[in-house]
Amino acid sequence: MEKTASSEQPRRRLSRRERIDVLFAEYNALNELLRFRLTAMDRRLPVAVSFMAATIVAVLALPLELQLAVLITTPSAILWMGRTTVQHARAKEDNLRRISEIEQTINEIAGEELLLFQSRHPNRAETVGGRTGMSAVFATTLNSLLMLLVCVALFGGKHGLTAQILYFVFITAIALDLIMGAVQLNRYVYRRPPMILLEK
């Protein structure tokens, strides 16, 4: 079977300038993504506080049947908020570590230290997701646990003892999930994916 002309041509290695250009393209894209994640995490706590206030007002104003519906759906929304905050912080950690790798690689290719901010940052290995990521997770988790306590208080004993026990178990499971998410984030370590070797 005849080989095509394109398959017969040897693959050209990128020059140092081209390699740096490719890395800078990824570097700029990662910095844009990092800004998005920072904005998303900054909005978490105000949203959580507003949600808590709206839940209290809604429960107090609604009839008993609708109160039950709100008190069942609210913890699920709290869990979603907590989990997505942890996911943003974990992705931010991946983002920061990759930016650091790109800075080091560009410096190696150039033969001098041109990019230093992230790769030499004093906090680079101390806090998962950086100070913003960890503080956002801590504040959101703490606020979420307070919201769950408010839900338990609002549920009270108006729906019967069995319902009260089941609701307490439901809330406890969600609280443990939130706490474990924050604990696991603190142990998270960025692992660079293995390189894919292209066929020659």
C-alpha atoms as a PDB file:
ATOM      1  CA  MET A   1       0.000   0.000   0.000  1.00  0.00           C
ATOM      2  CA  GLU A   2       1.478   3.373  -1.054  1.00  0.00           C
ATOM      3  CA  LYS A   3       2.128   5.919   1.633  1.00  0.00           C
ATOM      4  CA  THR A   4       0.723   9.401   1.156  1.00  0.00           C
ATOM      5  CA  ALA A   5       3.087  12.304   0.671  1.00  0.00           C
ATOM      6  CA  SER A   6       2.161  13.773   4.030  1.00  0.00           C
ATOM      7  CA  SER A   7       2.985  10.539   5.887  1.00  0.00           C
ATOM      8  CA  GLU A   8       6.426  10.354   4.245  1.00  0.00           C
ATOM      9  CA  GLN A   9       7.434  13.790   5.489  1.00  0.00           C
ATOM     10  CA  PRO A  10       9.318  13.736   8.819  1.00  0.00           C
ATOM     11  CA  ARG A  11       7.612  15.579  11.651  1.00  0.00           C
ATOM     12  CA  ARG A  12       9.341  18.917  12.203  1.00  0.00           C
ATOM     13  CA  ARG A  13      10.319  19.770  15.769  1.00  0.00           C
ATOM     14  CA  LEU A  14       9.133  23.114  17.041  1.00  0.00           C
ATOM     15  CA  SER A  15      11.702  25.827  17.520  1.00  0.00           C
ATOM     16  CA  ARG A  16      12.306  27.337  20.938  1.00  0.00           C
ATOM     17  CA  ARG A  17      10.304  30.431  19.916  1.00  0.00           C
ATOM     18  CA  GLU A  18       7.368  28.280  18.747  1.00  0.00           C
ATOM     19  CA  ARG A  19       7.404  26.181  21.918  1.00  0.00           C
ATOM     20  CA  ILE A  20       7.311  29.332  24.051  1.00  0.00           C
ATOM     21  CA  ASP A  21       4.442  30.710  21.944  1.00  0.00           C
ATOM     22  CA  VAL A  22       2.418  27.515  22.474  1.00  0.00           C
ATOM     23  CA  LEU A  23       3.076  27.609  26.216  1.00  0.00           C
ATOM     24  CA  PHE A  24       2.140  31.292  26.403  1.00  0.00           C
ATOM     25  CA  ALA A  25      -1.174  30.534  24.662  1.00  0.00           C
ATOM     26  CA  GLU A  26      -1.983  27.971  27.366  1.00  0.00           C
ATOM     27  CA  TYR A  27      -0.642  30.325  30.056  1.00  0.00           C
ATOM     28  CA  ASN A  28      -2.998  33.133  28.980  1.00  0.00           C
ATOM     29  CA  ALA A  29      -5.976  30.769  28.731  1.00  0.00           C
ATOM     30  CA  LEU A  30      -5.286  29.436  32.231  1.00  0.00           C
ATOM     31  CA  ASN A  31      -5.062  32.957  33.650  1.00  0.00           C
ATOM     32  CA  GLU A  32      -8.461  33.792  32.125  1.00  0.00           C
ATOM     33  CA  LEU A  33      -9.895  30.618  33.637  1.00  0.00           C
ATOM     34  CA  LEU A  34      -8.305  31.488  36.982  1.00  0.00           C
ATOM     35  CA  ARG A  35     -10.008  34.894  36.988  1.00  0.00           C
ATOM     36  CA  PHE A  36     -13.338  33.179  36.308  1.00  0.00           C
ATOM     37  CA  ARG A  37     -12.847  30.793  39.239  1.00  0.00           C
ATOM     38  CA  LEU A  38     -11.856  33.622  41.581  1.00  0.00           C
ATOM     39  CA  THR A  39     -15.006  35.551  40.654  1.00  0.00           C
ATOM     40  CA  ALA A  40     -17.170  32.442  41.083  1.00  0.00           C
ATOM     41  CA  MET A  41     -15.767  31.763  44.556  1.00  0.00           C
ATOM     42  CA  ASP A  42     -16.045  35.406  45.638  1.00  0.00           C
ATOM     43  CA  ARG A  43     -19.780  35.255  44.931  1.00  0.00           C
ATOM     44  CA  ARG A  44     -20.372  32.103  46.988  1.00  0.00           C
ATOM     45  CA  LEU A  45     -20.716  33.611  50.445  1.00  0.00           C
ATOM     46  CA  PRO A  46     -23.082  36.504  49.537  1.00  0.00           C
ATOM     47  CA  VAL A  47     -25.254  34.034  47.621  1.00  0.00           C
ATOM     48  CA  ALA A  48     -25.268  31.611  50.560  1.00  0.00           C
ATOM     49  CA  VAL A  49     -26.254  34.345  53.053  1.00  0.00           C
ATOM     50  CA  SER A  50     -29.020  35.628  50.759  1.00  0.00           C
ATOM     51  CA  PHE A  51     -30.279  32.090  50.283  1.00  0.00           C
ATOM     52  CA  MET A  52     -30.384  31.552  54.040  1.00  0.00           C
ATOM     53  CA  ALA A  53     -32.384  34.727  54.624  1.00  0.00           C
ATOM     54  CA  ALA A  54     -34.810  33.884  51.802  1.00  0.00           C
ATOM     55  CA  THR A  55     -35.323  30.366  53.196  1.00  0.00           C
ATOM     56  CA  ILE A  56     -36.192  31.647  56.685  1.00  0.00           C
ATOM     57  CA  VAL A  57     -38.646  34.214  55.313  1.00  0.00           C
ATOM     58  CA  ALA A  58     -40.251  31.669  52.969  1.00  0.00           C
ATOM     59  CA  VAL A  59     -40.702  29.017  55.651  1.00  0.00           C
ATOM     60  CA  LEU A  60     -42.225  31.444  58.137  1.00  0.00           C
ATOM     61  CA  ALA A  61     -44.640  32.841  55.542  1.00  0.00           C
ATOM     62  CA  LEU A  62     -45.796  29.563  53.921  1.00  0.00           C
ATOM     63  CA  PRO A  63     -48.461  27.123  55.108  1.00  0.00           C
ATOM     64  CA  LEU A  64     -47.298  23.923  56.829  1.00  0.00           C
ATOM     65  CA  GLU A  65     -47.428  21.689  53.712  1.00  0.00           C
ATOM     66  CA  LEU A  66     -45.314  24.063  51.639  1.00  0.00           C
ATOM     67  CA  GLN A  67     -42.926  24.613  54.542  1.00  0.00           C
ATOM     68  CA  LEU A  68     -42.133  20.890  54.432  1.00  0.00           C
ATOM     69  CA  ALA A  69     -41.336  21.071  50.711  1.00  0.00           C
ATOM     70  CA  VAL A  70     -38.989  24.022  51.228  1.00  0.00           C
ATOM     71  CA  LEU A  71     -37.246  22.375  54.182  1.00  0.00           C
ATOM     72  CA  ILE A  72     -36.619  19.208  52.150  1.00  0.00           C
ATOM     73  CA  THR A  73     -35.301  20.932  49.010  1.00  0.00           C
ATOM     74  CA  THR A  74     -33.182  23.538  50.823  1.00  0.00           C
ATOM     75  CA  PRO A  75     -30.572  21.103  52.252  1.00  0.00           C
ATOM     76  CA  SER A  76     -30.055  19.646  48.768  1.00  0.00           C
ATOM     77  CA  ALA A  77     -29.367  23.144  47.426  1.00  0.00           C
ATOM     78  CA  ILE A  78     -26.984  23.755  50.341  1.00  0.00           C
ATOM     79  CA  LEU A  79     -25.130  20.537  49.502  1.00  0.00           C
ATOM     80  CA  TRP A  80     -24.848  21.569  45.843  1.00  0.00           C
ATOM     81  CA  MET A  81     -23.417  24.953  46.859  1.00  0.00           C
ATOM     82  CA  GLY A  82     -20.863  23.351  49.172  1.00  0.00           C
ATOM     83  CA  ARG A  83     -19.749  20.731  46.659  1.00  0.00           C
ATOM     84  CA  THR A  84     -19.399  23.154  43.762  1.00  0.00           C
ATOM     85  CA  THR A  85     -17.338  25.505  45.939  1.00  0.00           C
ATOM     86  CA  VAL A  86     -14.945  22.648  46.745  1.00  0.00           C
ATOM     87  CA  GLN A  87     -14.788  21.711  43.044  1.00  0.00           C
ATOM     88  CA  HIS A  88     -13.924  25.307  42.113  1.00  0.00           C
ATOM     89  CA  ALA A  89     -11.164  25.358  44.750  1.00  0.00           C
ATOM     90  CA  ARG A  90      -9.754  22.044  43.521  1.00  0.00           C
ATOM     91  CA  ALA A  91      -9.813  23.225  39.915  1.00  0.00           C
ATOM     92  CA  LYS A  92      -8.134  26.468  41.030  1.00  0.00           C
ATOM     93  CA  GLU A  93      -5.362  24.381  42.619  1.00  0.00           C
ATOM     94  CA  ASP A  94      -4.863  22.488  39.328  1.00  0.00           C
ATOM     95  CA  ASN A  95      -4.869  25.814  37.524  1.00  0.00           C
ATOM     96  CA  LEU A  96      -2.228  27.361  39.779  1.00  0.00           C
ATOM     97  CA  ARG A  97       0.053  24.322  39.645  1.00  0.00           C
ATOM     98  CA  ARG A  98      -0.113  24.168  35.843  1.00  0.00           C
ATOM     99  CA  ILE A  99       0.651  27.889  35.568  1.00  0.00           C
ATOM    100  CA  SER A 100       3.669  27.286  37.796  1.00  0.00           C
ATOM    101  CA  GLU A 101       4.804  24.416  35.536  1.00  0.00           C
ATOM    102  CA  ILE A 102       4.487  26.587  32.433  1.00  0.00           C
ATOM    103  CA  GLU A 103       6.556  29.345  34.030  1.00  0.00           C
ATOM    104  CA  GLN A 104       9.305  26.864  34.900  1.00  0.00           C
ATOM    105  CA  THR A 105       9.233  25.294  31.416  1.00  0.00           C
ATOM    106  CA  ILE A 106       9.443  28.669  29.666  1.00  0.00           C
ATOM    107  CA  ASN A 107      12.348  29.632  31.919  1.00  0.00           C
ATOM    108  CA  GLU A 108      14.141  26.373  31.035  1.00  0.00           C
ATOM    109  CA  ILE A 109      13.607  26.885  27.299  1.00  0.00           C
ATOM    110  CA  ALA A 110      14.699  30.530  27.453  1.00  0.00           C
ATOM    111  CA  GLY A 111      17.708  29.705  29.624  1.00  0.00           C
ATOM    112  CA  GLU A 112      16.903  32.439  32.119  1.00  0.00           C
ATOM    113  CA  GLU A 113      14.248  33.250  34.719  1.00  0.00           C
ATOM    114  CA  LEU A 114      11.637  35.321  32.901  1.00  0.00           C
ATOM    115  CA  LEU A 115       8.430  34.254  34.683  1.00  0.00           C
ATOM    116  CA  LEU A 116       8.524  33.975  38.451  1.00  0.00           C
ATOM    117  CA  PHE A 117       5.249  35.014  40.069  1.00  0.00           C
ATOM    118  CA  GLN A 118       3.464  31.691  40.520  1.00  0.00           C
ATOM    119  CA  SER A 119       6.463  29.365  40.472  1.00  0.00           C
ATOM    120  CA  ARG A 120       8.176  31.434  43.208  1.00  0.00           C
ATOM    121  CA  HIS A 121       5.054  32.443  45.149  1.00  0.00           C
ATOM    122  CA  PRO A 122       5.679  31.930  48.903  1.00  0.00           C
ATOM    123  CA  ASN A 123       2.209  30.394  49.374  1.00  0.00           C
ATOM    124  CA  ARG A 124       2.378  28.060  46.367  1.00  0.00           C
ATOM    125  CA  ALA A 125       2.603  24.767  48.297  1.00  0.00           C
ATOM    126  CA  GLU A 126       1.030  25.685  51.627  1.00  0.00           C
ATOM    127  CA  THR A 127      -2.685  26.069  50.881  1.00  0.00           C
ATOM    128  CA  VAL A 128      -4.707  23.985  48.413  1.00  0.00           C
ATOM    129  CA  GLY A 129      -6.436  26.309  45.966  1.00  0.00           C
ATOM    130  CA  GLY A 130      -4.532  29.281  47.333  1.00  0.00           C
ATOM    131  CA  ARG A 131      -5.687  31.465  50.215  1.00  0.00           C
ATOM    132  CA  THR A 132      -8.827  32.541  48.339  1.00  0.00           C
ATOM    133  CA  GLY A 133      -9.860  28.981  47.542  1.00  0.00           C
ATOM    134  CA  MET A 134      -9.423  27.657  51.060  1.00  0.00           C
ATOM    135  CA  SER A 135     -11.076  30.659  52.736  1.00  0.00           C
ATOM    136  CA  ALA A 136     -14.044  30.449  50.338  1.00  0.00           C
ATOM    137  CA  VAL A 137     -14.488  26.750  51.104  1.00  0.00           C
ATOM    138  CA  PHE A 138     -14.186  27.320  54.866  1.00  0.00           C
ATOM    139  CA  ALA A 139     -16.673  30.215  54.885  1.00  0.00           C
ATOM    140  CA  THR A 140     -19.152  28.456  52.608  1.00  0.00           C
ATOM    141  CA  THR A 141     -18.953  25.212  54.613  1.00  0.00           C
ATOM    142  CA  LEU A 142     -19.431  27.026  57.917  1.00  0.00           C
ATOM    143  CA  ASN A 143     -22.355  29.020  56.558  1.00  0.00           C
ATOM    144  CA  SER A 144     -23.875  25.879  55.051  1.00  0.00           C
ATOM    145  CA  LEU A 145     -23.724  24.080  58.404  1.00  0.00           C
ATOM    146  CA  LEU A 146     -25.432  27.054  60.061  1.00  0.00           C
ATOM    147  CA  MET A 147     -28.127  26.955  57.385  1.00  0.00           C
ATOM    148  CA  LEU A 148     -28.682  23.255  58.074  1.00  0.00           C
ATOM    149  CA  LEU A 149     -29.111  24.014  61.787  1.00  0.00           C
ATOM    150  CA  VAL A 150     -31.662  26.677  60.884  1.00  0.00           C
ATOM    151  CA  CYS A 151     -33.515  24.102  58.774  1.00  0.00           C
ATOM    152  CA  VAL A 152     -33.603  21.687  61.730  1.00  0.00           C
ATOM    153  CA  ALA A 153     -34.900  24.448  64.008  1.00  0.00           C
ATOM    154  CA  LEU A 154     -37.590  25.466  61.510  1.00  0.00           C
ATOM    155  CA  PHE A 155     -38.625  21.854  60.992  1.00  0.00           C
ATOM    156  CA  GLY A 156     -39.194  21.493  64.738  1.00  0.00           C
ATOM    157  CA  GLY A 157     -41.710  18.948  65.966  1.00  0.00           C
ATOM    158  CA  LYS A 158     -44.633  20.093  63.831  1.00  0.00           C
ATOM    159  CA  HIS A 159     -44.470  17.072  61.494  1.00  0.00           C
ATOM    160  CA  GLY A 160     -44.337  14.251  64.046  1.00  0.00           C
ATOM    161  CA  LEU A 161     -41.533  12.410  65.835  1.00  0.00           C
ATOM    162  CA  THR A 162     -40.791   9.929  63.026  1.00  0.00           C
ATOM    163  CA  ALA A 163     -40.514  12.705  60.452  1.00  0.00           C
ATOM    164  CA  GLN A 164     -38.314  14.682  62.838  1.00  0.00           C
ATOM    165  CA  ILE A 165     -35.904  11.738  63.281  1.00  0.00           C
ATOM    166  CA  LEU A 166     -35.755  11.068  59.537  1.00  0.00           C
ATOM    167  CA  TYR A 167     -35.140  14.740  58.830  1.00  0.00           C
ATOM    168  CA  PHE A 168     -32.354  14.867  61.411  1.00  0.00           C
ATOM    169  CA  VAL A 169     -30.672  11.837  59.777  1.00  0.00           C
ATOM    170  CA  PHE A 170     -31.061  13.544  56.354  1.00  0.00           C
ATOM    171  CA  ILE A 171     -29.482  16.767  57.634  1.00  0.00           C
ATOM    172  CA  THR A 172     -26.668  14.886  59.401  1.00  0.00           C
ATOM    173  CA  ALA A 173     -25.741  13.037  56.192  1.00  0.00           C
ATOM    174  CA  ILE A 174     -25.549  16.313  54.268  1.00  0.00           C
ATOM    175  CA  ALA A 175     -23.510  17.969  57.034  1.00  0.00           C
ATOM    176  CA  LEU A 176     -21.005  15.096  57.027  1.00  0.00           C
ATOM    177  CA  ASP A 177     -20.716  15.309  53.239  1.00  0.00           C
ATOM    178  CA  LEU A 178     -19.943  19.028  53.461  1.00  0.00           C
ATOM    179  CA  ILE A 179     -17.336  18.529  56.190  1.00  0.00           C
ATOM    180  CA  MET A 180     -15.658  15.633  54.340  1.00  0.00           C
ATOM    181  CA  GLY A 181     -15.502  17.732  51.169  1.00  0.00           C
ATOM    182  CA  ALA A 182     -13.567  20.456  52.991  1.00  0.00           C
ATOM    183  CA  VAL A 183     -11.273  17.922  54.718  1.00  0.00           C
ATOM    184  CA  GLN A 184     -10.521  16.079  51.462  1.00  0.00           C
ATOM    185  CA  LEU A 185      -9.746  19.369  49.721  1.00  0.00           C
ATOM    186  CA  ASN A 186      -7.066  20.061  52.334  1.00  0.00           C
ATOM    187  CA  ARG A 187      -5.430  16.727  51.399  1.00  0.00           C
ATOM    188  CA  TYR A 188      -5.762  17.207  47.649  1.00  0.00           C
ATOM    189  CA  VAL A 189      -2.542  17.020  45.622  1.00  0.00           C
ATOM    190  CA  TYR A 190      -2.273  18.088  41.990  1.00  0.00           C
ATOM    191  CA  ARG A 191      -0.995  15.278  39.798  1.00  0.00           C
ATOM    192  CA  ARG A 192       0.175  16.064  36.325  1.00  0.00           C
ATOM    193  CA  PRO A 193      -1.481  13.728  33.789  1.00  0.00           C
ATOM    194  CA  PRO A 194       0.876  11.371  31.944  1.00  0.00           C
ATOM    195  CA  MET A 195       2.263  12.597  28.624  1.00  0.00           C
ATOM    196  CA  ILE A 196       0.800  11.135  25.449  1.00  0.00           C
ATOM    197  CA  LEU A 197       3.576   9.989  23.136  1.00  0.00           C
ATOM    198  CA  LEU A 198       2.822  10.694  19.491  1.00  0.00           C
ATOM    199  CA  GLU A 199       3.752   8.133  16.866  1.00  0.00           C
ATOM    200  CA  LYS A 200       6.718   9.080  14.733  1.00  0.00           C
END
